[in-house]
Amino acid sequence: MYYNYFSVDKSFRSCPKAKDSAILTRDDASLISALQIAPRAPWSDIGAALGISGITAARRWERVRREGLAWVTTAPGLVRHGAQSLAYIEVDCPPARRNTLAAELSRHPMVLTVELTTGNADVFLTTAAANLTAMSHYLLDHLSHVEGIVSTRARLATHIFAEASHWRLSGLERDAVRLLERSRDAQPGAPDDGPVEMTAQLQRIAELLNEDGRASYTALAAATGMSATSVRRYVHALLRSRTLLPRTDVAAEHTATPVQVYFFVDAPVAEYAETAKSLTKFREIRVCATLASSPGMMICAWLHTVEELHRLEVAISTRLPKVHIADRLVVLRTVKRQGRLVDSSGRATGTVPVNIWDDRLEHPAPALVSLE
């Protein structure tokens, strides 16, 4: 069940300007929604859910993907096993360096997402690492040495209650959803026996799946030099262990909800889990995490207009009176989303594959201290 915060203000039901401005057609939105439920499902199943042939579904997807409006990728499975580290980093820099700095940071494999925002951050980063040691190394030995950065504030996530792979662009008929869920759950793989050791081979496969989350076993085998049988086994291990999470992303600017907002939220510590459970029932909220900082929670929402920001706040405070929204960041432009480089209109233009398991950045030379 999802909360409908339209009930707080009935006039909020109508948002014709936002809908008219959306480029995605109804058919495109349905196709993307189907792939959000089952990103690696066979085209025959995708087509059956939408009432079209698999060939037609594949052809439509190729157009949407080619135009940069949506793409299938994978994200690090940070909700599992507790080993990985995730940080939201607010970066301050001179105004003249903002675009250049964002472009430079987008080339870092450990940086998942780069956004230009209003509020207390000139550049806002979502960064992941294999563990806290690796995250500390990135923050202290790499990020602090990037030219043009005035200051940074890192907020470490302690738990991810909801992440964007579970968010849906639009609703499908219940029968279609069931069919897609069966297709997704029927894909074979090894049982989840715990974390997977990320060898160089697995890291390479993870990078390729970040570039194309629907890459076939044959294509992966050709790119890695491994046999298709080995690739299939490795992919199943990565997905079933949730080391990687397949997801279908969409260019927000071309949907009916182009306004992306981060809220930093205070709530009673003893009620974090229950608060997060309630917050994630709002359809607009894509991400919900607790943080090792103050405020202690963060949510991300996609909205029709900037005006809806406060209407969502009213709905949250009405439903959850103990929750206090302490700060907000409105995204002005996304530069990178989960490894995908995007242009000023939100369309995908390229990829810097995410790799949180291998630090490939050049280390600054340590300072030498004389003991004499």
Protein backbone atom coordinates (compact mmCIF):
# COMPACT_ATOMS: atom_id res chain seq x y z
CA MET A 1 0.00 0.00 0.00
CA TYR A 2 1.19 3.50 -0.86
CA TYR A 3 0.17 6.78 0.71
CA ASN A 4 -1.66 9.22 -1.54
CA TYR A 5 -0.67 12.64 -0.33
CA PHE A 6 -3.01 14.21 -2.90
CA SER A 7 -5.62 13.98 -0.15
CA VAL A 8 -3.79 16.75 1.72
CA ASP A 9 -4.56 19.17 -1.10
CA LYS A 10 -7.12 18.14 -3.71
CA SER A 11 -5.78 20.64 -6.26
CA PHE A 12 -2.56 18.62 -6.25
CA ARG A 13 -4.24 15.93 -8.37
CA SER A 14 -3.99 18.03 -11.51
CA CYS A 15 -0.60 18.81 -12.96
CA PRO A 16 -1.22 19.27 -16.69
CA LYS A 17 1.89 21.30 -17.44
CA ALA A 18 4.18 18.66 -16.02
CA LYS A 19 2.39 15.90 -17.93
CA ASP A 20 2.37 17.84 -21.19
CA SER A 21 6.10 18.46 -20.91
CA ALA A 22 6.93 14.76 -20.59
CA ILE A 23 8.49 13.34 -23.77
CA LEU A 24 7.95 9.68 -22.97
CA THR A 25 4.83 8.24 -24.59
CA ARG A 26 2.45 6.01 -22.68
CA ASP A 27 3.84 2.99 -24.53
CA ASP A 28 7.41 4.01 -23.69
CA ALA A 29 6.50 4.47 -20.03
CA SER A 30 4.83 1.06 -19.89
CA LEU A 31 7.86 -0.58 -21.49
CA ILE A 32 10.23 1.09 -19.04
CA SER A 33 7.98 0.10 -16.13
CA ALA A 34 8.02 -3.51 -17.27
CA LEU A 35 11.82 -3.46 -17.41
CA GLN A 36 11.96 -1.87 -13.97
CA ILE A 37 10.15 -4.92 -12.59
CA ALA A 38 12.18 -7.46 -14.57
CA PRO A 39 15.29 -5.82 -16.05
CA ARG A 40 16.72 -9.04 -17.55
CA ALA A 41 13.49 -10.81 -18.48
CA PRO A 42 13.27 -12.36 -21.97
CA TRP A 43 11.69 -10.09 -24.58
CA SER A 44 8.94 -12.67 -25.04
CA ASP A 45 7.87 -12.16 -21.41
CA ILE A 46 8.16 -8.36 -21.63
CA GLY A 47 6.01 -8.39 -24.76
CA ALA A 48 3.43 -10.75 -23.25
CA ALA A 49 3.03 -8.46 -20.23
CA LEU A 50 2.43 -5.47 -22.50
CA GLY A 51 0.22 -7.23 -25.03
CA ILE A 52 2.75 -6.95 -27.87
CA SER A 53 5.24 -9.29 -29.49
CA GLY A 54 8.70 -9.74 -28.04
CA ILE A 55 10.16 -8.43 -31.29
CA THR A 56 8.13 -5.24 -31.01
CA ALA A 57 9.14 -4.79 -27.36
CA ALA A 58 12.83 -5.22 -28.25
CA ARG A 59 12.56 -2.77 -31.15
CA ARG A 60 10.85 -0.14 -28.99
CA TRP A 61 13.47 -0.57 -26.28
CA GLU A 62 16.31 -0.16 -28.73
CA ARG A 63 14.86 3.22 -29.79
CA VAL A 64 14.36 4.38 -26.19
CA ARG A 65 17.86 3.24 -25.23
CA ARG A 66 19.47 4.74 -28.33
CA GLU A 67 17.82 8.11 -27.61
CA GLY A 68 19.23 8.02 -24.06
CA LEU A 69 15.82 8.16 -22.43
CA ALA A 70 16.25 4.97 -20.36
CA TRP A 71 18.79 2.22 -19.84
CA VAL A 72 19.24 -1.06 -17.97
CA THR A 73 22.21 -1.15 -15.62
CA THR A 74 23.26 -2.64 -12.29
CA ALA A 75 23.99 -1.04 -8.92
CA PRO A 76 26.14 -2.32 -6.05
CA GLY A 77 23.97 -4.30 -3.67
CA LEU A 78 24.56 -2.10 -0.66
CA VAL A 79 21.51 -3.43 1.18
CA ARG A 80 23.15 -6.83 1.67
CA HIS A 81 25.74 -8.27 4.03
CA GLY A 82 26.67 -4.91 5.59
CA ALA A 83 30.24 -4.87 4.33
CA GLN A 84 30.01 -2.13 1.73
CA SER A 85 30.11 1.56 2.56
CA LEU A 86 27.92 4.28 1.04
CA ALA A 87 28.36 8.01 1.53
CA TYR A 88 26.48 11.11 0.44
CA ILE A 89 29.00 13.91 0.01
CA GLU A 90 28.29 17.62 -0.19
CA VAL A 91 31.04 19.45 -2.07
CA ASP A 92 31.66 23.20 -2.02
CA CYS A 93 33.61 24.87 -4.82
CA PRO A 94 33.94 28.26 -6.57
CA PRO A 95 31.01 28.88 -8.97
CA ALA A 96 33.31 28.99 -11.99
CA ARG A 97 34.60 25.48 -11.18
CA ARG A 98 31.24 23.82 -10.67
CA ASN A 99 30.67 22.22 -14.07
CA THR A 100 34.32 21.31 -14.59
CA LEU A 101 34.59 19.77 -11.13
CA ALA A 102 31.41 17.75 -11.59
CA ALA A 103 32.73 16.41 -14.89
CA GLU A 104 36.04 15.48 -13.26
CA LEU A 105 34.41 13.70 -10.32
CA SER A 106 32.10 11.79 -12.66
CA ARG A 107 35.20 9.98 -13.97
CA HIS A 108 35.83 8.36 -10.58
CA PRO A 109 34.61 4.70 -10.66
CA MET A 110 33.65 4.81 -6.96
CA VAL A 111 31.37 7.80 -7.52
CA LEU A 112 27.95 6.43 -8.45
CA THR A 113 26.08 9.69 -8.99
CA VAL A 114 27.07 13.35 -9.49
CA GLU A 115 24.51 16.15 -9.24
CA LEU A 116 24.56 19.95 -9.22
CA THR A 117 22.21 21.19 -6.52
CA THR A 118 20.79 24.17 -4.71
CA GLY A 119 21.20 24.62 -0.98
CA ASN A 120 24.28 23.73 1.02
CA ALA A 121 26.03 21.72 -1.71
CA ASP A 122 27.42 22.97 -5.00
CA VAL A 123 28.04 19.37 -6.11
CA PHE A 124 26.35 16.37 -4.48
CA LEU A 125 27.95 12.93 -4.75
CA THR A 126 26.72 9.43 -4.00
CA THR A 127 29.83 7.33 -3.46
CA ALA A 128 30.30 3.66 -2.64
CA ALA A 129 33.25 1.53 -1.57
CA ALA A 130 33.88 -2.10 -0.68
CA ASN A 131 34.30 -1.21 3.00
CA LEU A 132 34.85 1.71 5.36
CA THR A 133 38.63 1.55 4.94
CA ALA A 134 38.31 1.99 1.18
CA MET A 135 35.77 4.80 1.66
CA SER A 136 38.10 6.55 4.11
CA HIS A 137 40.93 6.24 1.61
CA TYR A 138 38.81 7.84 -1.12
CA LEU A 139 37.64 10.70 1.09
CA LEU A 140 41.00 11.47 2.70
CA ASP A 141 43.54 10.61 0.01
CA HIS A 142 41.69 11.32 -3.23
CA LEU A 143 38.74 13.67 -2.89
CA SER A 144 40.61 16.07 -0.63
CA HIS A 145 43.32 16.46 -3.31
CA VAL A 146 41.00 17.35 -6.20
CA GLU A 147 41.75 20.86 -7.39
CA GLY A 148 38.95 23.36 -6.89
CA ILE A 149 37.26 21.75 -3.92
CA VAL A 150 36.85 24.21 -1.04
CA SER A 151 35.27 21.83 1.48
CA THR A 152 33.35 18.56 1.74
CA ARG A 153 30.85 17.07 4.18
CA ALA A 154 30.38 13.30 4.04
CA ARG A 155 27.34 11.54 5.48
CA LEU A 156 27.85 7.79 5.80
CA ALA A 157 24.77 5.63 5.31
CA THR A 158 24.14 3.13 8.09
CA HIS A 159 21.23 1.31 6.46
CA ILE A 160 19.43 1.48 3.10
CA PHE A 161 15.70 0.96 3.61
CA ALA A 162 14.75 1.65 -0.02
CA GLU A 163 16.83 2.16 -3.14
CA ALA A 164 15.90 3.24 -6.64
CA SER A 165 15.74 -0.23 -8.20
CA HIS A 166 12.38 -0.68 -6.44
CA TRP A 167 10.90 2.60 -7.72
CA ARG A 168 8.42 2.38 -10.62
CA LEU A 169 7.77 4.96 -13.34
CA SER A 170 4.11 4.06 -13.77
CA GLY A 171 1.62 1.40 -12.81
CA LEU A 172 0.90 -1.68 -14.93
CA GLU A 173 -2.09 -3.97 -14.78
CA ARG A 174 -1.90 -6.47 -11.94
CA ASP A 175 -1.78 -9.46 -14.30
CA ALA A 176 1.13 -7.90 -16.18
CA VAL A 177 3.01 -7.29 -12.92
CA ARG A 178 2.49 -10.89 -11.83
CA LEU A 179 3.76 -12.21 -15.16
CA LEU A 180 6.88 -10.04 -14.96
CA GLU A 181 7.54 -10.98 -11.35
CA ARG A 182 7.29 -14.68 -12.24
CA SER A 183 9.70 -14.15 -15.12
CA ARG A 184 12.14 -12.31 -12.87
CA ASP A 185 11.94 -14.88 -10.08
CA ALA A 186 12.23 -17.83 -12.47
CA GLN A 187 15.67 -16.84 -13.72
CA PRO A 188 18.06 -19.53 -12.40
CA GLY A 189 21.03 -18.94 -10.19
CA ALA A 190 23.01 -20.17 -7.24
CA PRO A 191 21.46 -19.84 -3.77
CA ASP A 192 22.44 -16.84 -1.70
CA ASP A 193 25.24 -18.21 0.47
CA GLY A 194 26.58 -14.83 1.48
CA PRO A 195 28.98 -12.31 -0.01
CA VAL A 196 30.76 -13.12 -3.26
CA GLU A 197 34.53 -12.66 -3.44
CA MET A 198 35.02 -10.02 -6.12
CA THR A 199 37.88 -11.43 -8.16
CA ALA A 200 39.25 -9.58 -11.17
CA GLN A 201 37.01 -11.70 -13.43
CA LEU A 202 33.89 -10.86 -11.43
CA GLN A 203 34.82 -7.18 -11.35
CA ARG A 204 35.09 -7.17 -15.14
CA ILE A 205 31.67 -8.81 -15.50
CA ALA A 206 30.23 -6.31 -13.02
CA GLU A 207 31.59 -3.42 -15.09
CA LEU A 208 30.09 -4.84 -18.28
CA LEU A 209 26.70 -5.31 -16.61
CA ASN A 210 26.86 -1.74 -15.34
CA GLU A 211 27.26 -0.65 -18.97
CA ASP A 212 24.46 -2.93 -20.20
CA GLY A 213 22.36 -4.68 -17.60
CA ARG A 214 20.75 -6.84 -20.30
CA ALA A 215 24.05 -8.03 -21.79
CA SER A 216 23.74 -11.64 -22.92
CA TYR A 217 25.98 -14.42 -21.68
CA THR A 218 27.39 -14.71 -25.19
CA ALA A 219 28.27 -11.01 -25.32
CA LEU A 220 29.83 -11.13 -21.85
CA ALA A 221 31.85 -14.19 -22.80
CA ALA A 222 33.15 -12.47 -25.93
CA ALA A 223 34.14 -9.36 -23.97
CA THR A 224 35.91 -11.27 -21.18
CA GLY A 225 37.42 -14.24 -23.02
CA MET A 226 35.63 -16.63 -20.66
CA SER A 227 33.31 -19.44 -21.67
CA ALA A 228 29.59 -18.73 -21.77
CA THR A 229 29.11 -21.43 -19.11
CA SER A 230 31.51 -19.69 -16.72
CA VAL A 231 29.97 -16.31 -17.41
CA ARG A 232 26.48 -17.66 -16.71
CA ARG A 233 27.65 -19.10 -13.38
CA TYR A 234 29.35 -15.84 -12.38
CA VAL A 235 26.38 -13.66 -13.37
CA HIS A 236 24.00 -15.87 -11.42
CA ALA A 237 26.25 -15.64 -8.36
CA LEU A 238 26.41 -11.84 -8.59
CA LEU A 239 22.67 -11.43 -8.98
CA ARG A 240 21.44 -14.09 -6.57
CA SER A 241 23.77 -12.87 -3.82
CA ARG A 242 22.53 -9.34 -4.55
CA THR A 243 26.11 -8.19 -4.93
CA LEU A 244 24.67 -6.48 -8.02
CA LEU A 245 21.12 -5.18 -8.35
CA PRO A 246 19.72 -4.97 -11.89
CA ARG A 247 17.75 -1.77 -12.43
CA THR A 248 16.21 0.27 -15.22
CA ASP A 249 16.91 3.99 -14.99
CA VAL A 250 15.06 6.72 -16.82
CA ALA A 251 15.90 10.33 -17.64
CA ALA A 252 13.86 12.18 -15.03
CA GLU A 253 13.74 15.31 -17.15
CA HIS A 254 11.66 13.46 -19.75
CA THR A 255 9.08 12.09 -17.34
CA ALA A 256 6.15 13.74 -15.57
CA THR A 257 8.32 14.00 -12.42
CA PRO A 258 11.41 15.97 -13.49
CA VAL A 259 12.12 17.63 -10.13
CA GLN A 260 14.56 15.64 -7.98
CA VAL A 261 14.85 16.59 -4.31
CA TYR A 262 16.90 15.28 -1.37
CA PHE A 263 15.44 15.76 2.11
CA PHE A 264 17.50 15.43 5.29
CA VAL A 265 15.21 14.29 8.05
CA ASP A 266 15.24 14.14 11.84
CA ALA A 267 13.27 11.44 13.64
CA PRO A 268 13.50 9.63 16.99
CA VAL A 269 16.41 7.18 16.74
CA ALA A 270 14.40 4.35 18.29
CA GLU A 271 11.79 4.80 15.56
CA TYR A 272 14.08 4.92 12.51
CA ALA A 273 12.94 1.57 11.10
CA GLU A 274 9.24 2.32 11.52
CA THR A 275 9.69 5.84 10.17
CA ALA A 276 11.53 4.54 7.11
CA LYS A 277 8.80 1.97 6.51
CA SER A 278 6.19 4.73 6.52
CA LEU A 279 8.24 7.10 4.37
CA THR A 280 8.78 4.52 1.66
CA LYS A 281 5.02 4.17 1.25
CA PHE A 282 4.97 7.55 -0.50
CA ARG A 283 5.20 6.77 -4.22
CA GLU A 284 7.39 9.80 -4.87
CA ILE A 285 10.18 8.60 -2.55
CA ARG A 286 12.82 6.57 -4.40
CA VAL A 287 15.53 6.30 -1.74
CA CYS A 288 15.44 6.17 2.05
CA ALA A 289 18.52 5.71 4.23
CA THR A 290 19.67 6.29 7.78
CA LEU A 291 22.90 8.24 8.26
CA ALA A 292 25.76 8.44 10.72
CA SER A 293 25.24 12.18 10.99
CA SER A 294 22.72 14.77 11.99
CA PRO A 295 20.04 14.77 10.64
CA GLY A 296 19.94 11.01 10.85
CA MET A 297 17.87 10.16 7.77
CA MET A 298 17.85 11.03 4.06
CA ILE A 299 15.16 10.56 1.44
CA CYS A 300 15.12 11.29 -2.28
CA ALA A 301 11.91 12.07 -4.15
CA TRP A 302 10.94 12.79 -7.75
CA LEU A 303 8.20 15.41 -8.04
CA HIS A 304 6.13 17.09 -10.76
CA THR A 305 7.08 20.65 -9.77
CA VAL A 306 9.17 22.52 -7.22
CA GLU A 307 5.93 23.64 -5.59
CA GLU A 308 5.16 20.03 -4.69
CA LEU A 309 8.21 19.96 -2.43
CA HIS A 310 6.35 21.64 0.42
CA ARG A 311 3.15 19.75 -0.28
CA LEU A 312 5.05 16.50 0.19
CA GLU A 313 6.52 17.92 3.40
CA VAL A 314 3.01 18.70 4.65
CA ALA A 315 1.88 15.18 3.81
CA ILE A 316 4.85 13.67 5.63
CA SER A 317 4.38 15.82 8.73
CA THR A 318 0.66 15.00 8.74
CA ARG A 319 1.32 11.27 8.52
CA LEU A 320 4.46 11.34 10.72
CA PRO A 321 4.27 14.23 13.21
CA LYS A 322 7.56 13.28 14.91
CA VAL A 323 9.48 13.71 11.65
CA HIS A 324 11.22 17.04 11.05
CA ILE A 325 12.69 17.96 7.66
CA ALA A 326 15.87 19.87 8.44
CA ASP A 327 17.25 20.58 4.98
CA ARG A 328 16.60 20.14 1.26
CA LEU A 329 18.69 19.96 -1.88
CA VAL A 330 16.99 20.46 -5.25
CA VAL A 331 18.88 18.93 -8.18
CA LEU A 332 19.60 21.48 -10.90
CA ARG A 333 21.37 19.04 -13.19
CA THR A 334 22.46 15.42 -13.09
CA VAL A 335 25.92 14.76 -14.53
CA LYS A 336 26.17 11.05 -13.73
CA ARG A 337 23.63 8.51 -12.48
CA GLN A 338 24.79 5.06 -11.35
CA GLY A 339 27.70 5.10 -13.77
CA ARG A 340 25.80 6.66 -16.68
CA LEU A 341 26.99 10.04 -17.95
CA VAL A 342 24.03 12.25 -18.89
CA ASP A 343 23.74 15.55 -20.72
CA SER A 344 21.98 18.72 -19.58
CA SER A 345 18.63 17.32 -20.75
CA GLY A 346 19.10 14.12 -18.74
CA ARG A 347 19.76 11.83 -21.71
CA ALA A 348 22.45 9.16 -21.35
CA THR A 349 25.57 9.87 -23.40
CA GLY A 350 28.14 7.37 -22.12
CA THR A 351 29.31 5.26 -19.21
CA VAL A 352 32.00 5.35 -16.55
CA PRO A 353 31.52 1.82 -15.18
CA VAL A 354 31.04 1.67 -11.44
CA ASN A 355 33.69 -0.33 -9.59
CA ILE A 356 33.60 -0.14 -5.80
CA TRP A 357 35.90 -3.15 -5.34
CA ASP A 358 39.11 -1.87 -6.92
CA ASP A 359 40.57 1.57 -6.27
CA ARG A 360 41.98 2.64 -9.63
CA LEU A 361 42.63 6.27 -8.80
CA GLU A 362 46.20 7.42 -8.67
CA HIS A 363 47.45 7.78 -5.13
CA PRO A 364 49.06 11.07 -4.13
CA ALA A 365 52.68 10.72 -3.07
CA PRO A 366 53.04 10.67 0.72
CA ALA A 367 54.78 13.60 2.33
CA LEU A 368 58.28 12.83 3.60
CA VAL A 369 59.07 13.91 7.12
CA SER A 370 62.67 14.27 8.26
CA LEU A 371 63.49 12.72 11.63
CA GLU A 372 66.66 14.74 12.03
